């Protein structure tokens, strides 16, 4: 997911996006552990998406606190 898409969302939507990404990442880790995941690069992409969403969420929360 692109940062520009995430910046257009509000805080509640970003929090939901982070939880959804965390659940998806957990599912991918389980698939990797059971040898069902063929494209392991998806794990890194999901991890980066989580970090991107958390960063933008923190920026919005910090901006709202001012």
N, C-alpha and C. Protein backbone atom coordinates (compact mmCIF):
# COMPACT_ATOMS: atom_id res chain seq x y z
N UNK A 1 0.84 -1.17 0.00
CA UNK A 1 0.00 0.00 0.00
C UNK A 1 0.89 1.24 0.00
N UNK A 2 0.48 2.23 -0.73
CA UNK A 2 1.28 3.44 -0.84
C UNK A 2 1.00 4.39 0.32
N UNK A 3 1.98 5.20 0.64
CA UNK A 3 1.85 6.15 1.74
C UNK A 3 0.78 7.19 1.44
N UNK A 4 0.64 7.56 0.18
CA UNK A 4 -0.37 8.56 -0.18
C UNK A 4 -1.79 8.03 0.09
N UNK A 5 -1.99 6.74 -0.10
CA UNK A 5 -3.30 6.14 0.20
C UNK A 5 -3.56 6.16 1.69
N UNK A 6 -2.52 5.88 2.47
CA UNK A 6 -2.67 5.85 3.93
C UNK A 6 -2.88 7.24 4.50
N UNK A 7 -2.24 8.24 3.93
CA UNK A 7 -2.39 9.61 4.44
C UNK A 7 -3.81 10.13 4.26
N UNK A 8 -4.55 9.58 3.31
CA UNK A 8 -5.91 10.01 3.08
C UNK A 8 -6.91 9.44 4.09
N UNK A 9 -6.48 8.51 4.91
CA UNK A 9 -7.37 7.88 5.88
C UNK A 9 -7.32 8.61 7.22
N UNK A 10 -8.39 8.46 8.00
CA UNK A 10 -8.39 9.04 9.33
C UNK A 10 -7.77 8.07 10.33
N UNK A 11 -7.68 8.48 11.58
CA UNK A 11 -6.97 7.71 12.61
C UNK A 11 -7.63 6.35 12.83
N UNK A 12 -8.95 6.31 12.89
CA UNK A 12 -9.65 5.04 13.13
C UNK A 12 -9.42 4.06 11.98
N UNK A 13 -9.45 4.56 10.77
CA UNK A 13 -9.22 3.69 9.61
C UNK A 13 -7.78 3.19 9.58
N UNK A 14 -6.84 4.03 10.01
CA UNK A 14 -5.44 3.60 10.06
C UNK A 14 -5.23 2.53 11.12
N UNK A 15 -5.89 2.68 12.26
CA UNK A 15 -5.77 1.66 13.31
C UNK A 15 -6.33 0.33 12.83
N UNK A 16 -7.45 0.38 12.10
CA UNK A 16 -8.03 -0.85 11.55
C UNK A 16 -7.10 -1.45 10.51
N UNK A 17 -6.48 -0.62 9.70
CA UNK A 17 -5.54 -1.09 8.68
C UNK A 17 -4.34 -1.79 9.32
N UNK A 18 -3.83 -1.23 10.42
CA UNK A 18 -2.70 -1.84 11.11
C UNK A 18 -3.09 -3.21 11.66
N UNK A 19 -4.26 -3.31 12.28
CA UNK A 19 -4.68 -4.60 12.83
C UNK A 19 -4.91 -5.63 11.71
N UNK A 20 -5.47 -5.18 10.61
CA UNK A 20 -5.67 -6.10 9.48
C UNK A 20 -4.33 -6.58 8.92
N UNK A 21 -3.37 -5.68 8.82
CA UNK A 21 -2.06 -6.06 8.31
C UNK A 21 -1.34 -7.01 9.27
N UNK A 22 -1.50 -6.78 10.57
CA UNK A 22 -0.89 -7.67 11.55
C UNK A 22 -1.47 -9.08 11.47
N UNK A 23 -2.79 -9.16 11.28
CA UNK A 23 -3.44 -10.47 11.13
C UNK A 23 -2.97 -11.16 9.86
N UNK A 24 -2.85 -10.39 8.77
CA UNK A 24 -2.39 -10.97 7.51
C UNK A 24 -0.95 -11.45 7.65
N UNK A 25 -0.12 -10.68 8.34
CA UNK A 25 1.27 -11.06 8.53
C UNK A 25 1.38 -12.34 9.36
N UNK A 26 0.53 -12.45 10.38
CA UNK A 26 0.52 -13.66 11.19
C UNK A 26 0.14 -14.88 10.35
N UNK A 27 -0.87 -14.73 9.51
CA UNK A 27 -1.29 -15.82 8.63
C UNK A 27 -0.17 -16.22 7.68
N UNK A 28 0.54 -15.25 7.16
CA UNK A 28 1.65 -15.55 6.25
C UNK A 28 2.78 -16.27 6.99
N UNK A 29 3.04 -15.88 8.23
CA UNK A 29 4.07 -16.55 9.01
C UNK A 29 3.69 -18.00 9.27
N UNK A 30 2.43 -18.24 9.53
CA UNK A 30 1.97 -19.61 9.75
C UNK A 30 2.09 -20.43 8.47
N UNK A 31 1.76 -19.81 7.34
CA UNK A 31 1.91 -20.51 6.06
C UNK A 31 3.36 -20.86 5.79
N UNK A 32 4.26 -19.95 6.13
CA UNK A 32 5.68 -20.22 5.93
C UNK A 32 6.15 -21.35 6.84
N UNK A 33 5.65 -21.37 8.07
CA UNK A 33 6.07 -22.41 9.01
C UNK A 33 5.58 -23.79 8.58
N UNK A 34 4.44 -23.85 7.92
CA UNK A 34 3.90 -25.13 7.48
C UNK A 34 4.26 -25.45 6.03
N UNK A 35 5.22 -24.71 5.48
CA UNK A 35 5.71 -24.93 4.11
C UNK A 35 4.63 -24.73 3.05
N UNK A 36 3.66 -23.88 3.31
CA UNK A 36 2.61 -23.63 2.32
C UNK A 36 2.83 -22.33 1.55
N UNK A 37 3.74 -21.49 2.03
CA UNK A 37 3.99 -20.20 1.39
C UNK A 37 5.07 -20.35 0.34
N UNK A 38 4.72 -20.05 -0.90
CA UNK A 38 5.70 -20.18 -1.98
C UNK A 38 6.45 -18.87 -2.23
N UNK A 39 5.76 -17.74 -2.10
CA UNK A 39 6.37 -16.44 -2.35
C UNK A 39 6.69 -15.77 -1.01
N UNK A 40 7.90 -15.98 -0.52
CA UNK A 40 8.24 -15.46 0.80
C UNK A 40 8.50 -13.96 0.81
N UNK A 41 8.60 -13.33 -0.34
CA UNK A 41 8.82 -11.89 -0.37
C UNK A 41 7.59 -11.13 0.13
N UNK A 42 6.46 -11.79 0.17
CA UNK A 42 5.23 -11.17 0.66
C UNK A 42 5.38 -10.81 2.14
N UNK A 43 6.14 -11.62 2.88
CA UNK A 43 6.37 -11.34 4.30
C UNK A 43 7.04 -9.99 4.49
N UNK A 44 8.07 -9.71 3.73
CA UNK A 44 8.78 -8.44 3.84
C UNK A 44 7.91 -7.27 3.44
N UNK A 45 7.11 -7.48 2.38
CA UNK A 45 6.21 -6.41 1.93
C UNK A 45 5.17 -6.08 2.99
N UNK A 46 4.64 -7.11 3.64
CA UNK A 46 3.63 -6.88 4.67
C UNK A 46 4.25 -6.17 5.87
N UNK A 47 5.47 -6.58 6.22
CA UNK A 47 6.15 -5.95 7.35
C UNK A 47 6.39 -4.47 7.07
N UNK A 48 6.76 -4.14 5.84
CA UNK A 48 6.98 -2.74 5.46
C UNK A 48 5.67 -1.95 5.46
N UNK A 49 4.59 -2.59 5.01
CA UNK A 49 3.29 -1.93 5.02
C UNK A 49 2.86 -1.62 6.46
N UNK A 50 3.12 -2.56 7.38
CA UNK A 50 2.78 -2.34 8.78
C UNK A 50 3.56 -1.15 9.32
N UNK A 51 4.85 -1.10 9.04
CA UNK A 51 5.69 0.00 9.51
C UNK A 51 5.23 1.32 8.92
N UNK A 52 4.88 1.30 7.64
CA UNK A 52 4.42 2.52 6.97
C UNK A 52 3.13 3.02 7.60
N UNK A 53 2.20 2.11 7.86
CA UNK A 53 0.91 2.51 8.44
C UNK A 53 1.10 3.00 9.87
N UNK A 54 1.97 2.35 10.65
CA UNK A 54 2.21 2.79 12.03
C UNK A 54 2.87 4.16 12.06
N UNK A 55 3.76 4.42 11.13
CA UNK A 55 4.44 5.71 11.07
C UNK A 55 3.45 6.83 10.78
N UNK A 56 2.60 6.62 9.80
CA UNK A 56 1.61 7.64 9.44
C UNK A 56 0.60 7.82 10.56
N UNK A 57 0.23 6.74 11.23
CA UNK A 57 -0.68 6.81 12.37
C UNK A 57 -0.06 7.65 13.48
N UNK A 58 1.21 7.44 13.77
CA UNK A 58 1.89 8.21 14.81
C UNK A 58 1.97 9.69 14.42
N UNK A 59 2.21 9.97 13.15
CA UNK A 59 2.25 11.36 12.68
C UNK A 59 0.90 12.04 12.88
N UNK A 60 -0.17 11.32 12.54
CA UNK A 60 -1.50 11.91 12.68
C UNK A 60 -1.86 12.12 14.14
N UNK A 61 -1.50 11.16 15.00
CA UNK A 61 -1.79 11.32 16.41
C UNK A 61 -1.00 12.48 17.02
N UNK A 62 0.24 12.61 16.60
CA UNK A 62 1.08 13.71 17.09
C UNK A 62 0.54 15.05 16.60
N UNK A 63 0.08 15.08 15.36
CA UNK A 63 -0.49 16.31 14.80
C UNK A 63 -1.80 16.69 15.47
N UNK A 64 -2.58 15.69 15.88
CA UNK A 64 -3.86 15.97 16.54
C UNK A 64 -3.65 16.43 17.98
N UNK A 65 -2.51 16.03 18.58
CA UNK A 65 -2.25 16.39 19.98
C UNK A 65 -1.82 17.85 20.10
N UNK A 66 -1.30 18.41 19.03
CA UNK A 66 -0.82 19.80 19.10
C UNK A 66 -1.93 20.81 19.14
